[in-house]
């Protein structure tokens, strides 16, 4: 099974984005996921990894929930 981690910047107010990605991943992949974990962070971080493999990093990519789900699909 697959584990997803969403690390998000608390001071930046990225909780809503993190929850949106979490919901989209659970909707798309449901029972194929062991966990979709939210991990608090700071310094502008917003990163999504699937089994340790990065699929989104706000430092490199523009935020797009649908694109993040598409990138995650190859690991699920």
PDB file of N, CA and C in Angstrom:
ATOM      1  N   UNK A   1       0.835  -1.187   0.000  1.00  0.00           N
ATOM      2  CA  UNK A   1       0.000   0.000   0.000  1.00  0.00           C
ATOM      3  C   UNK A   1       0.876   1.246   0.000  1.00  0.00           C
ATOM      4  N   UNK A   2       0.240   2.384  -0.069  1.00  0.00           N
ATOM      5  CA  UNK A   2       0.926   3.638  -0.312  1.00  0.00           C
ATOM      6  C   UNK A   2       0.675   4.637   0.810  1.00  0.00           C
ATOM      7  N   UNK A   3       1.735   5.375   1.161  1.00  0.00           N
ATOM      8  CA  UNK A   3       1.616   6.434   2.163  1.00  0.00           C
ATOM      9  C   UNK A   3       1.973   7.779   1.552  1.00  0.00           C
ATOM     10  N   UNK A   4       1.128   8.759   1.822  1.00  0.00           N
ATOM     11  CA  UNK A   4       1.332  10.119   1.327  1.00  0.00           C
ATOM     12  C   UNK A   4       1.565  11.029   2.524  1.00  0.00           C
ATOM     13  N   UNK A   5       2.516  11.942   2.369  1.00  0.00           N
ATOM     14  CA  UNK A   5       2.753  12.948   3.400  1.00  0.00           C
ATOM     15  C   UNK A   5       2.641  14.330   2.767  1.00  0.00           C
ATOM     16  N   UNK A   6       1.878  15.182   3.413  1.00  0.00           N
ATOM     17  CA  UNK A   6       1.726  16.569   2.974  1.00  0.00           C
ATOM     18  C   UNK A   6       2.290  17.444   4.087  1.00  0.00           C
ATOM     19  N   UNK A   7       3.424  18.057   3.810  1.00  0.00           N
ATOM     20  CA  UNK A   7       4.040  18.963   4.780  1.00  0.00           C
ATOM     21  C   UNK A   7       3.692  20.389   4.368  1.00  0.00           C
ATOM     22  N   UNK A   8       3.157  21.155   5.314  1.00  0.00           N
ATOM     23  CA  UNK A   8       2.678  22.490   4.968  1.00  0.00           C
ATOM     24  C   UNK A   8       3.100  23.514   6.018  1.00  0.00           C
ATOM     25  N   UNK A   9       3.272  24.747   5.575  1.00  0.00           N
ATOM     26  CA  UNK A   9       3.689  25.850   6.432  1.00  0.00           C
ATOM     27  C   UNK A   9       2.486  26.373   7.219  1.00  0.00           C
ATOM     28  N   UNK A  10       2.557  26.243   8.536  1.00  0.00           N
ATOM     29  CA  UNK A  10       1.488  26.731   9.402  1.00  0.00           C
ATOM     30  C   UNK A  10       1.420  28.259   9.388  1.00  0.00           C
ATOM     31  N   UNK A  11       2.546  28.976   9.602  1.00  0.00           N
ATOM     32  CA  UNK A  11       2.474  30.439   9.614  1.00  0.00           C
ATOM     33  C   UNK A  11       1.995  31.036   8.281  1.00  0.00           C
ATOM     34  N   UNK A  12       2.211  30.312   7.183  1.00  0.00           N
ATOM     35  CA  UNK A  12       1.795  30.806   5.866  1.00  0.00           C
ATOM     36  C   UNK A  12       0.296  30.618   5.620  1.00  0.00           C
ATOM     37  N   UNK A  13      -0.352  29.839   6.465  1.00  0.00           N
ATOM     38  CA  UNK A  13      -1.773  29.592   6.290  1.00  0.00           C
ATOM     39  C   UNK A  13      -2.082  28.567   5.221  1.00  0.00           C
ATOM     40  N   UNK A  14      -1.202  27.582   5.029  1.00  0.00           N
ATOM     41  CA  UNK A  14      -1.388  26.580   3.980  1.00  0.00           C
ATOM     42  C   UNK A  14      -2.255  25.391   4.394  1.00  0.00           C
ATOM     43  N   UNK A  15      -2.872  25.449   5.563  1.00  0.00           N
ATOM     44  CA  UNK A  15      -3.698  24.331   6.013  1.00  0.00           C
ATOM     45  C   UNK A  15      -4.822  24.034   5.021  1.00  0.00           C
ATOM     46  N   UNK A  16      -5.513  25.053   4.532  1.00  0.00           N
ATOM     47  CA  UNK A  16      -6.605  24.819   3.582  1.00  0.00           C
ATOM     48  C   UNK A  16      -6.109  24.119   2.322  1.00  0.00           C
ATOM     49  N   UNK A  17      -4.950  24.511   1.831  1.00  0.00           N
ATOM     50  CA  UNK A  17      -4.373  23.851   0.651  1.00  0.00           C
ATOM     51  C   UNK A  17      -4.059  22.390   0.959  1.00  0.00           C
ATOM     52  N   UNK A  18      -3.491  22.157   2.134  1.00  0.00           N
ATOM     53  CA  UNK A  18      -3.135  20.791   2.523  1.00  0.00           C
ATOM     54  C   UNK A  18      -4.373  19.911   2.611  1.00  0.00           C
ATOM     55  N   UNK A  19      -5.421  20.429   3.193  1.00  0.00           N
ATOM     56  CA  UNK A  19      -6.662  19.671   3.322  1.00  0.00           C
ATOM     57  C   UNK A  19      -7.281  19.424   1.943  1.00  0.00           C
ATOM     58  N   UNK A  20      -7.184  20.394   1.040  1.00  0.00           N
ATOM     59  CA  UNK A  20      -7.697  20.214  -0.325  1.00  0.00           C
ATOM     60  C   UNK A  20      -6.971  19.088  -1.046  1.00  0.00           C
ATOM     61  N   UNK A  21      -5.660  19.054  -0.919  1.00  0.00           N
ATOM     62  CA  UNK A  21      -4.880  17.984  -1.543  1.00  0.00           C
ATOM     63  C   UNK A  21      -5.207  16.647  -0.885  1.00  0.00           C
ATOM     64  N   UNK A  22      -5.307  16.633   0.431  1.00  0.00           N
ATOM     65  CA  UNK A  22      -5.633  15.406   1.152  1.00  0.00           C
ATOM     66  C   UNK A  22      -6.977  14.854   0.679  1.00  0.00           C
ATOM     67  N   UNK A  23      -7.983  15.706   0.600  1.00  0.00           N
ATOM     68  CA  UNK A  23      -9.317  15.287   0.160  1.00  0.00           C
ATOM     69  C   UNK A  23      -9.274  14.757  -1.273  1.00  0.00           C
ATOM     70  N   UNK A  24      -8.577  15.449  -2.149  1.00  0.00           N
ATOM     71  CA  UNK A  24      -8.498  15.030  -3.555  1.00  0.00           C
ATOM     72  C   UNK A  24      -7.818  13.669  -3.685  1.00  0.00           C
ATOM     73  N   UNK A  25      -6.752  13.459  -2.936  1.00  0.00           N
ATOM     74  CA  UNK A  25      -6.054  12.175  -2.999  1.00  0.00           C
ATOM     75  C   UNK A  25      -6.913  11.045  -2.442  1.00  0.00           C
ATOM     76  N   UNK A  26      -7.589  11.294  -1.331  1.00  0.00           N
ATOM     77  CA  UNK A  26      -8.456  10.264  -0.751  1.00  0.00           C
ATOM     78  C   UNK A  26      -9.644   9.965  -1.669  1.00  0.00           C
ATOM     79  N   UNK A  27     -10.162  10.974  -2.330  1.00  0.00           N
ATOM     80  CA  UNK A  27     -11.264  10.777  -3.261  1.00  0.00           C
ATOM     81  C   UNK A  27     -10.809   9.971  -4.474  1.00  0.00           C
ATOM     82  N   UNK A  28      -9.625  10.298  -4.989  1.00  0.00           N
ATOM     83  CA  UNK A  28      -9.126   9.632  -6.193  1.00  0.00           C
ATOM     84  C   UNK A  28      -8.658   8.205  -5.941  1.00  0.00           C
ATOM     85  N   UNK A  29      -8.011   7.971  -4.797  1.00  0.00           N
ATOM     86  CA  UNK A  29      -7.352   6.687  -4.589  1.00  0.00           C
ATOM     87  C   UNK A  29      -7.904   5.864  -3.425  1.00  0.00           C
ATOM     88  N   UNK A  30      -8.690   6.498  -2.572  1.00  0.00           N
ATOM     89  CA  UNK A  30      -9.388   5.830  -1.482  1.00  0.00           C
ATOM     90  C   UNK A  30      -8.653   4.701  -0.803  1.00  0.00           C
ATOM     91  N   UNK A  31      -9.165   3.485  -0.957  1.00  0.00           N
ATOM     92  CA  UNK A  31      -8.655   2.326  -0.232  1.00  0.00           C
ATOM     93  C   UNK A  31      -7.256   1.887  -0.656  1.00  0.00           C
ATOM     94  N   UNK A  32      -6.743   2.443  -1.739  1.00  0.00           N
ATOM     95  CA  UNK A  32      -5.382   2.081  -2.162  1.00  0.00           C
ATOM     96  C   UNK A  32      -4.314   2.815  -1.348  1.00  0.00           C
ATOM     97  N   UNK A  33      -4.738   3.730  -0.489  1.00  0.00           N
ATOM     98  CA  UNK A  33      -3.802   4.477   0.349  1.00  0.00           C
ATOM     99  C   UNK A  33      -3.854   3.965   1.781  1.00  0.00           C
ATOM    100  N   UNK A  34      -2.679   3.767   2.371  1.00  0.00           N
ATOM    101  CA  UNK A  34      -2.605   3.421   3.789  1.00  0.00           C
ATOM    102  C   UNK A  34      -2.846   4.650   4.649  1.00  0.00           C
ATOM    103  N   UNK A  35      -2.286   5.781   4.216  1.00  0.00           N
ATOM    104  CA  UNK A  35      -2.402   7.005   5.005  1.00  0.00           C
ATOM    105  C   UNK A  35      -2.125   8.219   4.129  1.00  0.00           C
ATOM    106  N   UNK A  36      -2.777   9.309   4.483  1.00  0.00           N
ATOM    107  CA  UNK A  36      -2.461  10.626   3.926  1.00  0.00           C
ATOM    108  C   UNK A  36      -2.253  11.524   5.135  1.00  0.00           C
ATOM    109  N   UNK A  37      -0.996  11.750   5.463  1.00  0.00           N
ATOM    110  CA  UNK A  37      -0.611  12.421   6.697  1.00  0.00           C
ATOM    111  C   UNK A  37      -0.337  13.898   6.454  1.00  0.00           C
ATOM    112  N   UNK A  38      -0.867  14.739   7.339  1.00  0.00           N
ATOM    113  CA  UNK A  38      -0.533  16.162   7.329  1.00  0.00           C
ATOM    114  C   UNK A  38       0.563  16.394   8.351  1.00  0.00           C
ATOM    115  N   UNK A  39       1.663  17.018   7.914  1.00  0.00           N
ATOM    116  CA  UNK A  39       2.787  17.311   8.807  1.00  0.00           C
ATOM    117  C   UNK A  39       2.998  18.824   8.810  1.00  0.00           C
ATOM    118  N   UNK A  40       2.998  19.397  10.002  1.00  0.00           N
ATOM    119  CA  UNK A  40       3.188  20.838  10.114  1.00  0.00           C
ATOM    120  C   UNK A  40       4.637  21.223   9.844  1.00  0.00           C
ATOM    121  N   UNK A  41       4.801  22.417   9.280  1.00  0.00           N
ATOM    122  CA  UNK A  41       6.127  22.935   8.980  1.00  0.00           C
ATOM    123  C   UNK A  41       6.114  24.454   9.033  1.00  0.00           C
ATOM    124  N   UNK A  42       7.195  25.048   8.557  1.00  0.00           N
ATOM    125  CA  UNK A  42       7.300  26.498   8.514  1.00  0.00           C
ATOM    126  C   UNK A  42       8.213  26.897   7.364  1.00  0.00           C
ATOM    127  N   UNK A  43       8.594  28.155   7.311  1.00  0.00           N
ATOM    128  CA  UNK A  43       9.503  28.681   6.286  1.00  0.00           C
ATOM    129  C   UNK A  43       8.969  28.474   4.869  1.00  0.00           C
ATOM    130  N   UNK A  44       7.650  28.547   4.687  1.00  0.00           N
ATOM    131  CA  UNK A  44       7.065  28.499   3.349  1.00  0.00           C
ATOM    132  C   UNK A  44       6.942  27.131   2.725  1.00  0.00           C
ATOM    133  N   UNK A  45       7.162  26.068   3.488  1.00  0.00           N
ATOM    134  CA  UNK A  45       7.137  24.720   2.938  1.00  0.00           C
ATOM    135  C   UNK A  45       5.714  24.301   2.548  1.00  0.00           C
ATOM    136  N   UNK A  46       5.610  23.677   1.413  1.00  0.00           N
ATOM    137  CA  UNK A  46       4.402  22.945   1.025  1.00  0.00           C
ATOM    138  C   UNK A  46       4.889  21.859   0.076  1.00  0.00           C
ATOM    139  N   UNK A  47       4.933  20.650   0.595  1.00  0.00           N
ATOM    140  CA  UNK A  47       5.559  19.551  -0.129  1.00  0.00           C
ATOM    141  C   UNK A  47       4.672  18.314   0.005  1.00  0.00           C
ATOM    142  N   UNK A  48       4.517  17.581  -1.102  1.00  0.00           N
ATOM    143  CA  UNK A  48       3.754  16.334  -1.092  1.00  0.00           C
ATOM    144  C   UNK A  48       4.679  15.219  -1.554  1.00  0.00           C
ATOM    145  N   UNK A  49       4.757  14.159  -0.743  1.00  0.00           N
ATOM    146  CA  UNK A  49       5.550  12.991  -1.125  1.00  0.00           C
ATOM    147  C   UNK A  49       4.668  11.750  -1.074  1.00  0.00           C
ATOM    148  N   UNK A  50       4.961  10.821  -1.970  1.00  0.00           N
ATOM    149  CA  UNK A  50       4.268   9.536  -2.006  1.00  0.00           C
ATOM    150  C   UNK A  50       5.328   8.464  -1.809  1.00  0.00           C
ATOM    151  N   UNK A  51       5.225   7.730  -0.725  1.00  0.00           N
ATOM    152  CA  UNK A  51       6.232   6.735  -0.354  1.00  0.00           C
ATOM    153  C   UNK A  51       7.643   7.315  -0.427  1.00  0.00           C
ATOM    154  N   UNK A  52       7.778   8.563   0.039  1.00  0.00           N
ATOM    155  CA  UNK A  52       9.066   9.227   0.083  1.00  0.00           C
ATOM    156  C   UNK A  52       9.496   9.903  -1.201  1.00  0.00           C
ATOM    157  N   UNK A  53       8.751   9.699  -2.282  1.00  0.00           N
ATOM    158  CA  UNK A  53       9.076  10.314  -3.573  1.00  0.00           C
ATOM    159  C   UNK A  53       8.353  11.652  -3.710  1.00  0.00           C
ATOM    160  N   UNK A  54       9.070  12.730  -4.000  1.00  0.00           N
ATOM    161  CA  UNK A  54       8.410  14.033  -4.120  1.00  0.00           C
ATOM    162  C   UNK A  54       7.533  14.101  -5.371  1.00  0.00           C
ATOM    163  N   UNK A  55       6.295  14.572  -5.198  1.00  0.00           N
ATOM    164  CA  UNK A  55       5.412  14.782  -6.341  1.00  0.00           C
ATOM    165  C   UNK A  55       5.019  16.245  -6.487  1.00  0.00           C
ATOM    166  N   UNK A  56       5.221  17.034  -5.429  1.00  0.00           N
ATOM    167  CA  UNK A  56       4.952  18.470  -5.497  1.00  0.00           C
ATOM    168  C   UNK A  56       5.779  19.181  -4.445  1.00  0.00           C
ATOM    169  N   UNK A  57       6.342  20.330  -4.855  1.00  0.00           N
ATOM    170  CA  UNK A  57       7.053  21.209  -3.927  1.00  0.00           C
ATOM    171  C   UNK A  57       6.783  22.638  -4.374  1.00  0.00           C
ATOM    172  N   UNK A  58       6.206  23.425  -3.509  1.00  0.00           N
ATOM    173  CA  UNK A  58       5.838  24.794  -3.871  1.00  0.00           C
ATOM    174  C   UNK A  58       7.055  25.632  -4.261  1.00  0.00           C
ATOM    175  N   UNK A  59       8.238  25.218  -3.837  1.00  0.00           N
ATOM    176  CA  UNK A  59       9.458  25.930  -4.223  1.00  0.00           C
ATOM    177  C   UNK A  59       9.741  25.765  -5.715  1.00  0.00           C
ATOM    178  N   UNK A  60       9.212  24.691  -6.329  1.00  0.00           N
ATOM    179  CA  UNK A  60       9.493  24.402  -7.731  1.00  0.00           C
ATOM    180  C   UNK A  60       8.267  24.467  -8.639  1.00  0.00           C
ATOM    181  N   UNK A  61       7.069  24.352  -8.075  1.00  0.00           N
ATOM    182  CA  UNK A  61       5.853  24.199  -8.860  1.00  0.00           C
ATOM    183  C   UNK A  61       4.783  25.194  -8.430  1.00  0.00           C
ATOM    184  N   UNK A  62       3.885  25.506  -9.363  1.00  0.00           N
ATOM    185  CA  UNK A  62       2.714  26.318  -9.035  1.00  0.00           C
ATOM    186  C   UNK A  62       1.659  25.408  -8.426  1.00  0.00           C
ATOM    187  N   UNK A  63       0.986  25.861  -7.382  1.00  0.00           N
ATOM    188  CA  UNK A  63       0.007  25.038  -6.691  1.00  0.00           C
ATOM    189  C   UNK A  63      -1.148  24.687  -7.617  1.00  0.00           C
ATOM    190  N   UNK A  64      -1.404  23.384  -7.751  1.00  0.00           N
ATOM    191  CA  UNK A  64      -2.504  22.874  -8.573  1.00  0.00           C
ATOM    192  C   UNK A  64      -2.889  21.502  -8.025  1.00  0.00           C
ATOM    193  N   UNK A  65      -4.049  21.426  -7.397  1.00  0.00           N
ATOM    194  CA  UNK A  65      -4.486  20.177  -6.768  1.00  0.00           C
ATOM    195  C   UNK A  65      -4.572  19.060  -7.802  1.00  0.00           C
ATOM    196  N   UNK A  66      -5.188  19.334  -8.941  1.00  0.00           N
ATOM    197  CA  UNK A  66      -5.375  18.294  -9.962  1.00  0.00           C
ATOM    198  C   UNK A  66      -4.045  17.771 -10.497  1.00  0.00           C
ATOM    199  N   UNK A  67      -3.094  18.651 -10.694  1.00  0.00           N
ATOM    200  CA  UNK A  67      -1.774  18.223 -11.177  1.00  0.00           C
ATOM    201  C   UNK A  67      -1.062  17.379 -10.121  1.00  0.00           C
ATOM    202  N   UNK A  68      -1.214  17.734  -8.869  1.00  0.00           N
ATOM    203  CA  UNK A  68      -0.609  16.951  -7.791  1.00  0.00           C
ATOM    204  C   UNK A  68      -1.190  15.544  -7.764  1.00  0.00           C
ATOM    205  N   UNK A  69      -2.497  15.412  -7.942  1.00  0.00           N
ATOM    206  CA  UNK A  69      -3.135  14.092  -7.992  1.00  0.00           C
ATOM    207  C   UNK A  69      -2.622  13.306  -9.199  1.00  0.00           C
ATOM    208  N   UNK A  70      -2.495  13.958 -10.352  1.00  0.00           N
ATOM    209  CA  UNK A  70      -1.969  13.272 -11.548  1.00  0.00           C
ATOM    210  C   UNK A  70      -0.549  12.754 -11.302  1.00  0.00           C
ATOM    211  N   UNK A  71       0.283  13.565 -10.675  1.00  0.00           N
ATOM    212  CA  UNK A  71       1.656  13.141 -10.394  1.00  0.00           C
ATOM    213  C   UNK A  71       1.698  11.995  -9.392  1.00  0.00           C
ATOM    214  N   UNK A  72       0.804  12.015  -8.414  1.00  0.00           N
ATOM    215  CA  UNK A  72       0.760  10.965  -7.401  1.00  0.00           C
ATOM    216  C   UNK A  72       0.314   9.633  -7.999  1.00  0.00           C
ATOM    217  N   UNK A  73      -0.508   9.688  -9.035  1.00  0.00           N
ATOM    218  CA  UNK A  73      -1.090   8.479  -9.636  1.00  0.00           C
ATOM    219  C   UNK A  73      -0.042   7.452 -10.023  1.00  0.00           C
ATOM    220  N   UNK A  74       1.118   7.885 -10.497  1.00  0.00           N
ATOM    221  CA  UNK A  74       2.145   6.936 -10.937  1.00  0.00           C
ATOM    222  C   UNK A  74       2.724   6.113  -9.792  1.00  0.00           C
ATOM    223  N   UNK A  75       2.537   6.570  -8.548  1.00  0.00           N
ATOM    224  CA  UNK A  75       3.071   5.851  -7.400  1.00  0.00           C
ATOM    225  C   UNK A  75       2.028   5.020  -6.658  1.00  0.00           C
ATOM    226  N   UNK A  76       0.769   5.240  -6.982  1.00  0.00           N
ATOM    227  CA  UNK A  76      -0.308   4.561  -6.268  1.00  0.00           C
ATOM    228  C   UNK A  76      -0.678   3.264  -6.969  1.00  0.00           C
TER     229      UNK A  76
END
